[in-house]
C-alpha atoms as a PDB file:
ATOM      1  CA  MET A   1      12.307  87.019   8.922  1.00  0.00           C
ATOM      2  CA  SER A   2      14.788  88.795   6.911  1.00  0.00           C
ATOM      3  CA  SER A   3      17.627  86.512   5.815  1.00  0.00           C
ATOM      4  CA  THR A   4      20.816  86.205   7.619  1.00  0.00           C
ATOM      5  CA  LYS A   5      24.163  86.616   6.031  1.00  0.00           C
ATOM      6  CA  HIS A   6      26.953  84.306   7.157  1.00  0.00           C
ATOM      7  CA  ARG A   7      30.229  84.182   6.996  1.00  0.00           C
ATOM      8  CA  LEU A   8      32.973  81.350   7.561  1.00  0.00           C
ATOM      9  CA  THR A   9      36.498  81.165   6.185  1.00  0.00           C
ATOM     10  CA  ALA A  10      38.775  78.590   6.367  1.00  0.00           C
ATOM     11  CA  ALA A  11      42.369  77.699   5.774  1.00  0.00           C
ATOM     12  CA  VAL A  12      44.199  74.269   5.839  1.00  0.00           C
ATOM     13  CA  PHE A  13      47.860  73.709   5.709  1.00  0.00           C
ATOM     14  CA  ALA A  14      50.317  70.823   6.487  1.00  0.00           C
ATOM     15  CA  THR A  15      52.148  71.752   9.923  1.00  0.00           C
ATOM     16  CA  SER A  16      55.170  72.597   8.357  1.00  0.00           C
ATOM     17  CA  CYS A  17      53.286  75.518   6.286  1.00  0.00           C
ATOM     18  CA  VAL A  18      52.906  78.941   7.975  1.00  0.00           C
ATOM     19  CA  GLY A  19      50.884  80.906   5.393  1.00  0.00           C
ATOM     20  CA  LEU A  20      47.235  81.312   6.321  1.00  0.00           C
ATOM     21  CA  ALA A  21      44.819  82.342   3.400  1.00  0.00           C
ATOM     22  CA  THR A  22      41.788  83.757   3.960  1.00  0.00           C
ATOM     23  CA  ALA A  23      38.426  83.222   2.334  1.00  0.00           C
ATOM     24  CA  SER A  24      36.648  86.092  -0.247  1.00  0.00           C
ATOM     25  CA  SER A  25      33.668  87.865   1.153  1.00  0.00           C
ATOM     26  CA  ALA A  26      31.030  85.134   1.989  1.00  0.00           C
ATOM     27  CA  SER A  27      27.509  85.179   0.529  1.00  0.00           C
ATOM     28  CA  ALA A  28      24.439  84.271   2.608  1.00  0.00           C
ATOM     29  CA  ASP A  29      24.188  80.890   4.118  1.00  0.00           C
ATOM     30  CA  ALA A  30      27.350  79.503   2.996  1.00  0.00           C
ATOM     31  CA  ILE A  31      30.427  78.340   4.466  1.00  0.00           C
ATOM     32  CA  ARG A  32      33.344  79.136   2.321  1.00  0.00           C
ATOM     33  CA  TYR A  33      36.631  77.706   2.377  1.00  0.00           C
ATOM     34  CA  SER A  34      40.193  78.414   1.559  1.00  0.00           C
ATOM     35  CA  VAL A  35      43.502  76.671   1.032  1.00  0.00           C
ATOM     36  CA  ALA A  36      47.011  77.962   1.585  1.00  0.00           C
ATOM     37  CA  PRO A  37      49.332  76.110  -1.054  1.00  0.00           C
ATOM     38  CA  ASN A  38      52.492  74.223   0.177  1.00  0.00           C
ATOM     39  CA  PRO A  39      54.187  73.927  -3.297  1.00  0.00           C
ATOM     40  CA  SER A  40      56.699  70.908  -1.734  1.00  0.00           C
ATOM     41  CA  LEU A  41      53.832  68.578  -0.030  1.00  0.00           C
ATOM     42  CA  TYR A  42      50.328  69.582  -2.062  1.00  0.00           C
ATOM     43  CA  THR A  43      48.854  71.695  -5.038  1.00  0.00           C
ATOM     44  CA  VAL A  44      45.297  73.507  -4.463  1.00  0.00           C
ATOM     45  CA  LYS A  45      42.741  73.857  -6.554  1.00  0.00           C
ATOM     46  CA  ASP A  46      39.751  75.943  -6.248  1.00  0.00           C
ATOM     47  CA  ASN A  47      36.738  75.231  -8.504  1.00  0.00           C
ATOM     48  CA  GLY A  48      34.716  78.084  -7.819  1.00  0.00           C
ATOM     49  CA  ASN A  49      31.583  76.715  -6.302  1.00  0.00           C
ATOM     50  CA  GLY A  50      32.939  76.173  -2.766  1.00  0.00           C
ATOM     51  CA  LEU A  51      35.054  72.846  -3.299  1.00  0.00           C
ATOM     52  CA  ILE A  52      38.960  73.050  -2.797  1.00  0.00           C
ATOM     53  CA  LYS A  53      40.739  70.303  -3.801  1.00  0.00           C
ATOM     54  CA  VAL A  54      44.078  69.394  -1.961  1.00  0.00           C
ATOM     55  CA  SER A  55      46.483  67.021  -4.056  1.00  0.00           C
ATOM     56  CA  TYR A  56      49.714  65.466  -2.349  1.00  0.00           C
ATOM     57  CA  LEU A  57      52.558  65.253  -4.515  1.00  0.00           C
ATOM     58  CA  GLY A  58      54.081  62.419  -3.251  1.00  0.00           C
ATOM     59  CA  CYS A  59      53.070  59.270  -1.181  1.00  0.00           C
ATOM     60  CA  VAL A  60      52.644  59.092   2.610  1.00  0.00           C
ATOM     61  CA  THR A  61      53.661  56.771   5.158  1.00  0.00           C
ATOM     62  CA  ALA A  62      51.018  54.497   6.763  1.00  0.00           C
ATOM     63  CA  SER A  63      50.398  55.057  10.620  1.00  0.00           C
ATOM     64  CA  GLN A  64      52.665  58.137  10.454  1.00  0.00           C
ATOM     65  CA  ALA A  65      50.641  61.219  11.904  1.00  0.00           C
ATOM     66  CA  GLN A  66      49.219  63.905   9.055  1.00  0.00           C
ATOM     67  CA  THR A  67      47.972  67.159  10.461  1.00  0.00           C
ATOM     68  CA  LEU A  68      45.557  69.757   9.110  1.00  0.00           C
ATOM     69  CA  GLN A  69      44.746  72.846  10.963  1.00  0.00           C
ATOM     70  CA  PHE A  70      41.858  75.219   9.861  1.00  0.00           C
ATOM     71  CA  THR A  71      41.453  78.774  10.530  1.00  0.00           C
ATOM     72  CA  PHE A  72      38.019  80.625  10.364  1.00  0.00           C
ATOM     73  CA  GLY A  73      36.035  83.583  10.681  1.00  0.00           C
ATOM     74  CA  SER A  74      32.587  83.755  11.585  1.00  0.00           C
ATOM     75  CA  ASP A  75      30.266  86.445  11.971  1.00  0.00           C
ATOM     76  CA  VAL A  76      26.310  85.663  12.206  1.00  0.00           C
ATOM     77  CA  SER A  77      23.503  87.028  13.926  1.00  0.00           C
ATOM     78  CA  LYS A  78      22.251  84.443  15.974  1.00  0.00           C
ATOM     79  CA  PRO A  79      24.007  81.347  18.126  1.00  0.00           C
ATOM     80  CA  ALA A  80      25.044  78.399  15.801  1.00  0.00           C
ATOM     81  CA  HIS A  81      26.324  75.082  16.074  1.00  0.00           C
ATOM     82  CA  ALA A  82      28.334  73.027  13.372  1.00  0.00           C
ATOM     83  CA  THR A  83      30.449  69.771  13.889  1.00  0.00           C
ATOM     84  CA  PHE A  84      33.564  68.703  12.022  1.00  0.00           C
ATOM     85  CA  LYS A  85      32.952  65.686   9.802  1.00  0.00           C
ATOM     86  CA  LEU A  86      35.198  63.356   7.428  1.00  0.00           C
ATOM     87  CA  LEU A  87      33.192  62.007   4.274  1.00  0.00           C
ATOM     88  CA  GLN A  88      35.379  59.040   2.874  1.00  0.00           C
ATOM     89  CA  LEU A  89      35.371  59.162  -1.025  1.00  0.00           C
ATOM     90  CA  LYS A  90      37.633  56.632  -2.512  1.00  0.00           C
ATOM     91  CA  GLY A  91      40.223  54.371  -1.312  1.00  0.00           C
ATOM     92  CA  THR A  92      41.701  53.681   2.611  1.00  0.00           C
ATOM     93  CA  SER A  93      39.776  55.641   4.845  1.00  0.00           C
ATOM     94  CA  PRO A  94      41.775  57.294   7.325  1.00  0.00           C
ATOM     95  CA  THR A  95      41.443  57.866  11.025  1.00  0.00           C
ATOM     96  CA  PRO A  96      40.803  61.206  12.256  1.00  0.00           C
ATOM     97  CA  VAL A  97      40.855  63.398  15.574  1.00  0.00           C
ATOM     98  CA  PHE A  98      38.971  66.660  15.382  1.00  0.00           C
ATOM     99  CA  SER A  99      40.121  69.182  18.277  1.00  0.00           C
ATOM    100  CA  PRO A 100      38.086  70.646  18.870  1.00  0.00           C
ATOM    101  CA  PRO A 101      35.215  68.334  17.020  1.00  0.00           C
ATOM    102  CA  GLU A 102      32.447  70.845  17.163  1.00  0.00           C
ATOM    103  CA  VAL A 103      32.006  74.768  17.376  1.00  0.00           C
ATOM    104  CA  ASP A 104      29.916  76.943  18.868  1.00  0.00           C
ATOM    105  CA  LEU A 105      29.450  80.114  16.819  1.00  0.00           C
ATOM    106  CA  VAL A 106      28.262  83.220  18.787  1.00  0.00           C
ATOM    107  CA  PRO A 107      26.729  86.642  17.304  1.00  0.00           C
ATOM    108  CA  GLY A 108      28.928  89.833  17.424  1.00  0.00           C
ATOM    109  CA  ASP A 109      31.285  90.924  14.828  1.00  0.00           C
ATOM    110  CA  THR A 110      33.528  88.753  13.179  1.00  0.00           C
ATOM    111  CA  GLN A 111      35.633  85.941  15.267  1.00  0.00           C
ATOM    112  CA  ASP A 112      38.584  83.906  14.450  1.00  0.00           C
ATOM    113  CA  HIS A 113      38.428  80.194  15.524  1.00  0.00           C
ATOM    114  CA  THR A 114      41.254  77.262  15.036  1.00  0.00           C
ATOM    115  CA  ALA A 115      40.663  73.396  14.818  1.00  0.00           C
ATOM    116  CA  THR A 116      43.281  70.628  14.085  1.00  0.00           C
ATOM    117  CA  ILE A 117      42.621  67.451  12.405  1.00  0.00           C
ATOM    118  CA  ALA A 118      44.862  64.941  12.986  1.00  0.00           C
ATOM    119  CA  TYR A 119      44.677  61.772  11.129  1.00  0.00           C
ATOM    120  CA  ASP A 120      46.521  58.676   9.472  1.00  0.00           C
ATOM    121  CA  PHE A 121      45.995  55.796   7.518  1.00  0.00           C
ATOM    122  CA  ARG A 122      46.204  52.321   8.813  1.00  0.00           C
ATOM    123  CA  THR A 123      46.667  50.296   5.057  1.00  0.00           C
ATOM    124  CA  ALA A 124      49.136  50.798   2.959  1.00  0.00           C
ATOM    125  CA  THR A 125      48.134  50.731  -0.675  1.00  0.00           C
ATOM    126  CA  GLN A 126      49.438  51.661  -4.015  1.00  0.00           C
ATOM    127  CA  ALA A 127      45.649  53.071  -5.355  1.00  0.00           C
ATOM    128  CA  ALA A 128      44.836  56.485  -4.846  1.00  0.00           C
ATOM    129  CA  THR A 129      42.690  57.435  -2.003  1.00  0.00           C
ATOM    130  CA  SER A 130      40.642  60.542  -0.673  1.00  0.00           C
ATOM    131  CA  PHE A 131      38.170  62.096   1.773  1.00  0.00           C
ATOM    132  CA  ARG A 132      36.204  65.264   2.275  1.00  0.00           C
ATOM    133  CA  VAL A 133      36.700  67.698   5.197  1.00  0.00           C
ATOM    134  CA  LYS A 134      33.781  69.796   6.164  1.00  0.00           C
ATOM    135  CA  LEU A 135      31.882  71.934   9.029  1.00  0.00           C
ATOM    136  CA  GLU A 136      28.650  70.423   9.059  1.00  0.00           C
ATOM    137  CA  PRO A 137      26.038  72.846  10.896  1.00  0.00           C
ATOM    138  CA  ASP A 138      23.302  71.951  12.780  1.00  0.00           C
ATOM    139  CA  ASN A 139      19.594  71.742  10.800  1.00  0.00           C
ATOM    140  CA  GLY A 140      17.762  75.217  11.863  1.00  0.00           C
ATOM    141  CA  SER A 141      21.235  77.281  12.063  1.00  0.00           C
ATOM    142  CA  GLY A 142      20.706  79.064   9.075  1.00  0.00           C
ATOM    143  CA  LEU A 143      24.249  78.163   7.879  1.00  0.00           C
ATOM    144  CA  GLY A 144      24.040  76.383   4.484  1.00  0.00           C
ATOM    145  CA  GLN A 145      25.964  72.654   3.730  1.00  0.00           C
ATOM    146  CA  ALA A 146      29.076  73.827   2.489  1.00  0.00           C
ATOM    147  CA  ALA A 147      30.956  71.378  -0.353  1.00  0.00           C
ATOM    148  CA  GLY A 148      33.990  71.227   1.997  1.00  0.00           C
ATOM    149  CA  VAL A 149      37.620  70.450   1.309  1.00  0.00           C
ATOM    150  CA  VAL A 150      38.792  67.095  -0.373  1.00  0.00           C
ATOM    151  CA  VAL A 151      41.989  65.466   0.123  1.00  0.00           C
ATOM    152  CA  ASP A 152      43.813  63.620  -2.750  1.00  0.00           C
ATOM    153  CA  VAL A 153      46.476  61.015  -1.718  1.00  0.00           C
ATOM    154  CA  PRO A 154      48.377  59.232  -4.569  1.00  0.00           C
ATOM    155  CA  CYS A 155      49.562  56.660  -2.446  1.00  0.00           C
ATOM    156  CA  ILE A 156      50.149  55.224   0.750  1.00  0.00           C
ATOM    157  CA  LEU A 157      53.632  53.215   1.680  1.00  0.00           C
ATOM    158  CA  ALA A 158      53.701  50.707   4.331  1.00  0.00           C
ATOM    159  CA  ALA A 159      55.981  52.092   7.578  1.00  0.00           C
ATOM    160  CA  PRO A 160      59.143  50.270   8.055  1.00  0.00           C
ATOM    161  CA  ALA A 161      59.076  47.395  10.019  1.00  0.00           C
ATOM    162  CA  SER A 162      60.352  48.001  14.015  1.00  0.00           C
ATOM    163  CA  PRO A 163      63.895  45.851  14.562  1.00  0.00           C
ATOM    164  CA  ALA A 164      63.118  42.645  16.107  1.00  0.00           C
ATOM    165  CA  THR A 165      63.797  42.056  19.616  1.00  0.00           C
ATOM    166  CA  PRO A 166      66.617  39.169  20.054  1.00  0.00           C
ATOM    167  CA  PRO A 167      66.170  36.478  22.327  1.00  0.00           C
ATOM    168  CA  ALA A 168      67.338  36.420  25.718  1.00  0.00           C
ATOM    169  CA  PRO A 169      70.567  34.814  25.982  1.00  0.00           C
ATOM    170  CA  GLY A 170      70.775  30.658  26.764  1.00  0.00           C
ATOM    171  CA  THR A 171      66.895  30.924  25.039  1.00  0.00           C
ATOM    172  CA  PRO A 172      66.998  28.153  22.398  1.00  0.00           C
ATOM    173  CA  ALA A 173      65.610  29.163  19.096  1.00  0.00           C
ATOM    174  CA  THR A 174      62.385  27.958  17.849  1.00  0.00           C
ATOM    175  CA  PRO A 175      62.323  26.572  14.798  1.00  0.00           C
ATOM    176  CA  GLY A 176      59.762  27.327  11.756  1.00  0.00           C
ATOM    177  CA  ALA A 177      57.737  24.688   9.603  1.00  0.00           C
ATOM    178  CA  PRO A 178      59.968  23.953   6.780  1.00  0.00           C
ATOM    179  CA  ALA A 179      59.204  25.601   3.167  1.00  0.00           C
ATOM    180  CA  ALA A 180      57.267  23.772   0.636  1.00  0.00           C
ATOM    181  CA  PRO A 181      59.613  22.388  -1.881  1.00  0.00           C
ATOM    182  CA  GLY A 182      60.253  24.838  -4.897  1.00  0.00           C
ATOM    183  CA  THR A 183      59.033  27.769  -2.984  1.00  0.00           C
ATOM    184  CA  PRO A 184      61.304  31.124  -3.020  1.00  0.00           C
ATOM    185  CA  VAL A 185      63.457  31.566   0.127  1.00  0.00           C
ATOM    186  CA  VAL A 186      62.249  35.311   1.664  1.00  0.00           C
ATOM    187  CA  PRO A 187      64.422  36.419   4.189  1.00  0.00           C
ATOM    188  CA  ALA A 188      62.684  37.292   7.515  1.00  0.00           C
ATOM    189  CA  GLY A 189      61.692  40.941   8.155  1.00  0.00           C
ATOM    190  CA  THR A 190      61.612  41.438   4.217  1.00  0.00           C
ATOM    191  CA  PRO A 191      58.353  43.804   3.626  1.00  0.00           C
ATOM    192  CA  THR A 192      55.641  42.120   1.587  1.00  0.00           C
ATOM    193  CA  VAL A 193      54.228  45.634   0.141  1.00  0.00           C
ATOM    194  CA  PRO A 194      56.034  48.641  -1.026  1.00  0.00           C
ATOM    195  CA  THR A 195      57.348  50.280   2.202  1.00  0.00           C
ATOM    196  CA  THR A 196      59.192  53.663   2.960  1.00  0.00           C
ATOM    197  CA  GLY A 197      62.797  53.562   2.552  1.00  0.00           C
ATOM    198  CA  PHE A 198      62.920  49.721   1.659  1.00  0.00           C
ATOM    199  CA  ILE A 199      64.627  49.010  -1.904  1.00  0.00           C
ATOM    200  CA  PRO A 200      65.260  44.947  -2.242  1.00  0.00           C
ATOM    201  CA  ALA A 201      68.202  43.802  -3.659  1.00  0.00           C
ATOM    202  CA  PRO A 202      68.651  43.886  -7.162  1.00  0.00           C
ATOM    203  CA  THR A 203      68.907  40.458  -7.549  1.00  0.00           C
ATOM    204  CA  GLY A 204      66.485  39.033  -5.415  1.00  0.00           C
ATOM    205  CA  ARG A 205      63.031  38.114  -5.936  1.00  0.00           C
ATOM    206  CA  LEU A 206      61.106  41.142  -5.139  1.00  0.00           C
ATOM    207  CA  THR A 207      63.116  42.759  -8.302  1.00  0.00           C
ATOM    208  CA  ARG A 208      62.024  39.989 -11.009  1.00  0.00           C
ATOM    209  CA  GLY A 209      60.009  41.613 -13.701  1.00  0.00           C
ATOM    210  CA  GLY A 210      59.680  45.392 -14.498  1.00  0.00           C
ATOM    211  CA  ALA A 211      58.839  48.214 -12.357  1.00  0.00           C
ATOM    212  CA  ARG A 212      55.441  49.572 -13.398  1.00  0.00           C
ATOM    213  CA  CYS A 213      56.544  53.229 -11.506  1.00  0.00           C
ATOM    214  CA  ILE A 214      59.583  53.477 -13.179  1.00  0.00           C
ATOM    215  CA  SER A 215      59.534  55.330 -16.604  1.00  0.00           C
ATOM    216  CA  THR A 216      62.858  56.389 -18.237  1.00  0.00           C
ATOM    217  CA  PRO A 217      63.550  57.307 -21.935  1.00  0.00           C
ATOM    218  CA  ARG A 218      63.206  54.964 -24.889  1.00  0.00           C
ATOM    219  CA  THR A 219      66.735  56.486 -26.291  1.00  0.00           C
ATOM    220  CA  LEU A 220      68.847  55.872 -23.428  1.00  0.00           C
ATOM    221  CA  ARG A 221      72.164  54.441 -23.980  1.00  0.00           C
ATOM    222  CA  LEU A 222      74.905  53.792 -22.012  1.00  0.00           C
ATOM    223  CA  ARG A 223      78.391  52.853 -22.402  1.00  0.00           C
ATOM    224  CA  ALA A 224      80.717  51.546 -19.669  1.00  0.00           C
ATOM    225  CA  ARG A 225      83.637  54.458 -18.613  1.00  0.00           C
ATOM    226  CA  GLU A 226      81.663  57.444 -20.115  1.00  0.00           C
ATOM    227  CA  THR A 227      79.325  59.196 -18.231  1.00  0.00           C
ATOM    228  CA  THR A 228      75.624  59.551 -18.979  1.00  0.00           C
ATOM    229  CA  ILE A 229      72.840  61.659 -17.723  1.00  0.00           C
ATOM    230  CA  VAL A 230      69.806  59.284 -16.702  1.00  0.00           C
ATOM    231  CA  ARG A 231      66.546  60.953 -15.659  1.00  0.00           C
ATOM    232  CA  VAL A 232      64.006  58.643 -13.891  1.00  0.00           C
ATOM    233  CA  THR A 233      60.538  58.983 -13.741  1.00  0.00           C
ATOM    234  CA  ILE A 234      58.425  57.686 -10.887  1.00  0.00           C
ATOM    235  CA  ARG A 235      54.386  57.841 -11.100  1.00  0.00           C
ATOM    236  CA  SER A 236      51.963  56.341  -9.304  1.00  0.00           C
ATOM    237  CA  THR A 237      49.136  53.563 -10.494  1.00  0.00           C
ATOM    238  CA  SER A 238      47.087  56.269 -11.659  1.00  0.00           C
ATOM    239  CA  GLY A 239      49.979  58.143 -13.733  1.00  0.00           C
ATOM    240  CA  GLN A 240      50.734  61.097 -10.941  1.00  0.00           C
ATOM    241  CA  GLU A 241      54.546  62.006 -10.824  1.00  0.00           C
ATOM    242  CA  LEU A 242      55.496  61.260  -7.567  1.00  0.00           C
ATOM    243  CA  ASN A 243      57.646  64.264  -5.609  1.00  0.00           C
ATOM    244  CA  ARG A 244      60.277  62.873  -3.189  1.00  0.00           C
ATOM    245  CA  ALA A 245      60.154  59.140  -4.100  1.00  0.00           C
ATOM    246  CA  LEU A 246      63.263  57.460  -3.235  1.00  0.00           C
ATOM    247  CA  VAL A 247      64.995  55.891  -6.312  1.00  0.00           C
ATOM    248  CA  ARG A 248      68.124  53.711  -6.789  1.00  0.00           C
ATOM    249  CA  ALA A 249      70.359  52.866  -9.293  1.00  0.00           C
ATOM    250  CA  THR A 250      72.733  49.764  -9.536  1.00  0.00           C
ATOM    251  CA  TYR A 251      75.437  49.395 -12.051  1.00  0.00           C
ATOM    252  CA  PRO A 252      78.846  48.128 -12.390  1.00  0.00           C
ATOM    253  CA  GLY A 253      81.239  49.832  -9.734  1.00  0.00           C
ATOM    254  CA  GLY A 254      78.281  51.913  -8.373  1.00  0.00           C
ATOM    255  CA  VAL A 255      75.645  52.651  -6.678  1.00  0.00           C
ATOM    256  CA  GLN A 256      73.367  55.746  -6.194  1.00  0.00           C
ATOM    257  CA  ASN A 257      70.574  56.813  -4.261  1.00  0.00           C
ATOM    258  CA  ARG A 258      68.252  60.160  -5.109  1.00  0.00           C
ATOM    259  CA  ARG A 259      65.133  61.361  -4.639  1.00  0.00           C
ATOM    260  CA  THR A 260      62.294  62.626  -7.217  1.00  0.00           C
ATOM    261  CA  ASP A 261      61.649  66.515  -7.405  1.00  0.00           C
ATOM    262  CA  VAL A 262      58.384  67.980  -7.685  1.00  0.00           C
ATOM    263  CA  ALA A 263      57.925  67.092 -11.213  1.00  0.00           C
ATOM    264  CA  GLY A 264      58.590  63.220 -10.276  1.00  0.00           C
ATOM    265  CA  VAL A 265      62.117  63.075 -11.801  1.00  0.00           C
ATOM    266  CA  ALA A 266      65.148  61.710 -10.397  1.00  0.00           C
ATOM    267  CA  THR A 267      68.665  62.538 -12.013  1.00  0.00           C
ATOM    268  CA  PHE A 268      71.824  60.067 -11.963  1.00  0.00           C
ATOM    269  CA  ARG A 269      74.900  60.709 -13.383  1.00  0.00           C
ATOM    270  CA  VAL A 270      76.059  57.173 -14.311  1.00  0.00           C
ATOM    271  CA  LYS A 271      79.694  56.225 -15.271  1.00  0.00           C
ATOM    272  CA  ALA A 272      79.335  52.282 -15.056  1.00  0.00           C
ATOM    273  CA  ALA A 273      83.197  50.609 -14.602  1.00  0.00           C
ATOM    274  CA  ARG A 274      82.708  47.674 -17.283  1.00  0.00           C
ATOM    275  CA  ALA A 275      79.880  46.323 -19.131  1.00  0.00           C
ATOM    276  CA  GLY A 276      76.908  44.708 -17.477  1.00  0.00           C
ATOM    277  CA  THR A 277      73.207  46.155 -16.298  1.00  0.00           C
ATOM    278  CA  LEU A 278      71.962  49.529 -15.019  1.00  0.00           C
ATOM    279  CA  VAL A 279      69.285  48.420 -12.809  1.00  0.00           C
ATOM    280  CA  LEU A 280      66.464  51.431 -11.593  1.00  0.00           C
ATOM    281  CA  GLN A 281      64.330  50.531  -8.631  1.00  0.00           C
ATOM    282  CA  SER A 282      61.906  52.749  -6.314  1.00  0.00           C
ATOM    283  CA  GLU A 283      60.498  52.323  -3.088  1.00  0.00           C
ATOM    284  CA  VAL A 284      57.095  52.994  -4.693  1.00  0.00           C
ATOM    285  CA  CYS A 285      56.656  49.833  -6.386  1.00  0.00           C
ATOM    286  CA  PHE A 286      58.801  46.234  -6.518  1.00  0.00           C
ATOM    287  CA  GLY A 287      60.255  45.327  -9.817  1.00  0.00           C
ATOM    288  CA  ALA A 288      62.952  46.862 -11.737  1.00  0.00           C
ATOM    289  CA  ASP A 289      63.959  48.884 -14.944  1.00  0.00           C
ATOM    290  CA  ARG A 290      66.900  47.380 -16.335  1.00  0.00           C
ATOM    291  CA  ARG A 291      69.189  48.823 -19.083  1.00  0.00           C
ATOM    292  CA  ARG A 292      72.018  47.531 -21.008  1.00  0.00           C
ATOM    293  CA  VAL A 293      75.491  48.999 -20.122  1.00  0.00           C
ATOM    294  CA  LEU A 294      77.909  48.385 -23.597  1.00  0.00           C
ATOM    295  CA  ALA A 295      81.613  47.828 -23.662  1.00  0.00           C
ATOM    296  CA  PRO A 296      83.789  50.334 -23.535  1.00  0.00           C
ATOM    297  CA  ARG A 297      84.980  52.390 -26.553  1.00  0.00           C
ATOM    298  CA  VAL A 298      87.944  50.620 -28.138  1.00  0.00           C
ATOM    299  CA  VAL A 299      90.317  53.592 -29.145  1.00  0.00           C
ATOM    300  CA  ARG A 300      92.934  52.339 -31.632  1.00  0.00           C
ATOM    301  CA  ALA A 301      96.291  54.349 -31.745  1.00  0.00           C
ATOM    302  CA  PRO A 302      97.212  55.693 -35.469  1.00  0.00           C
ATOM    303  CA  ARG A 303      99.466  53.909 -37.495  1.00  0.00           C
ATOM    304  CA  ALA A 304     103.088  55.203 -38.035  1.00  0.00           C
ATOM    305  CA  GLY A 305     103.268  56.482 -41.322  1.00  0.00           C
ATOM    306  CA  ARG A 306     105.727  54.733 -43.862  1.00  0.00           C
ATOM    307  CA  PHE A 307     108.777  56.651 -45.662  1.00  0.00           C
ATOM    308  CA  THR A 308     110.479  55.463 -48.787  1.00  0.00           C
ATOM    309  CA  GLY A 309     113.919  56.294 -49.937  1.00  0.00           C
END
């Protein structure tokens, strides 16, 4: 029996991405993928052997739905059946829902198909996670096993907590167990892991110590009443620069919030009212980066000249 040639192209893009890429001509008995880049969400790398790597530029939020839509074409000479699969590679495993979960390929001219994968992460983690998505053909279908699409996520932040429901009027409060002597008091509802949109008070327990996700130039010098450009880089635990990470700068007389760009940098124009401390924090990690703000320069009036007669 002569070999049958098959071509299957795929494009993956986030919901906000409207462009789709088509794969190059397929080789015999192979499944080929391509991914449309989304510069604000992820980068795409094709290693040339059928494995496409999608690297997210920033953290995602746990329990927040993510969507990957596949568009692919098939050209087969006999009926074939394939099932969508998700294989966990590292870190926290997502919960996927494929729609449709499987595909029937029919002989004839090139035919277009679409499918959607909705998934979320149930657990927050500062460690990187990755998984592989592939279309797996049945045994004996004549389609080869494809490498697929690998998705890398640098970190997963916890979802913000829902507001607590106040007790009904007249309902007495239930006292909690007293804390052990010397135990730091943490306000109720305070996140215990890095959380989307949450930055603790600059003097609180969660801000003690350094922040491993924050980097600033060693040569940074600040002086009260003078404007200084402060560039803050936010990185994941693996060293990746993070896009859209929330950063806060607190200093005498001012507070600013910024989000990082695709290079992981947030830029502040700091002009402190007096001497003190600049405190830099991010939603990506607890702790803070602190820099001293020097006292304002003293400008001395010139002495009047002396005249002798």
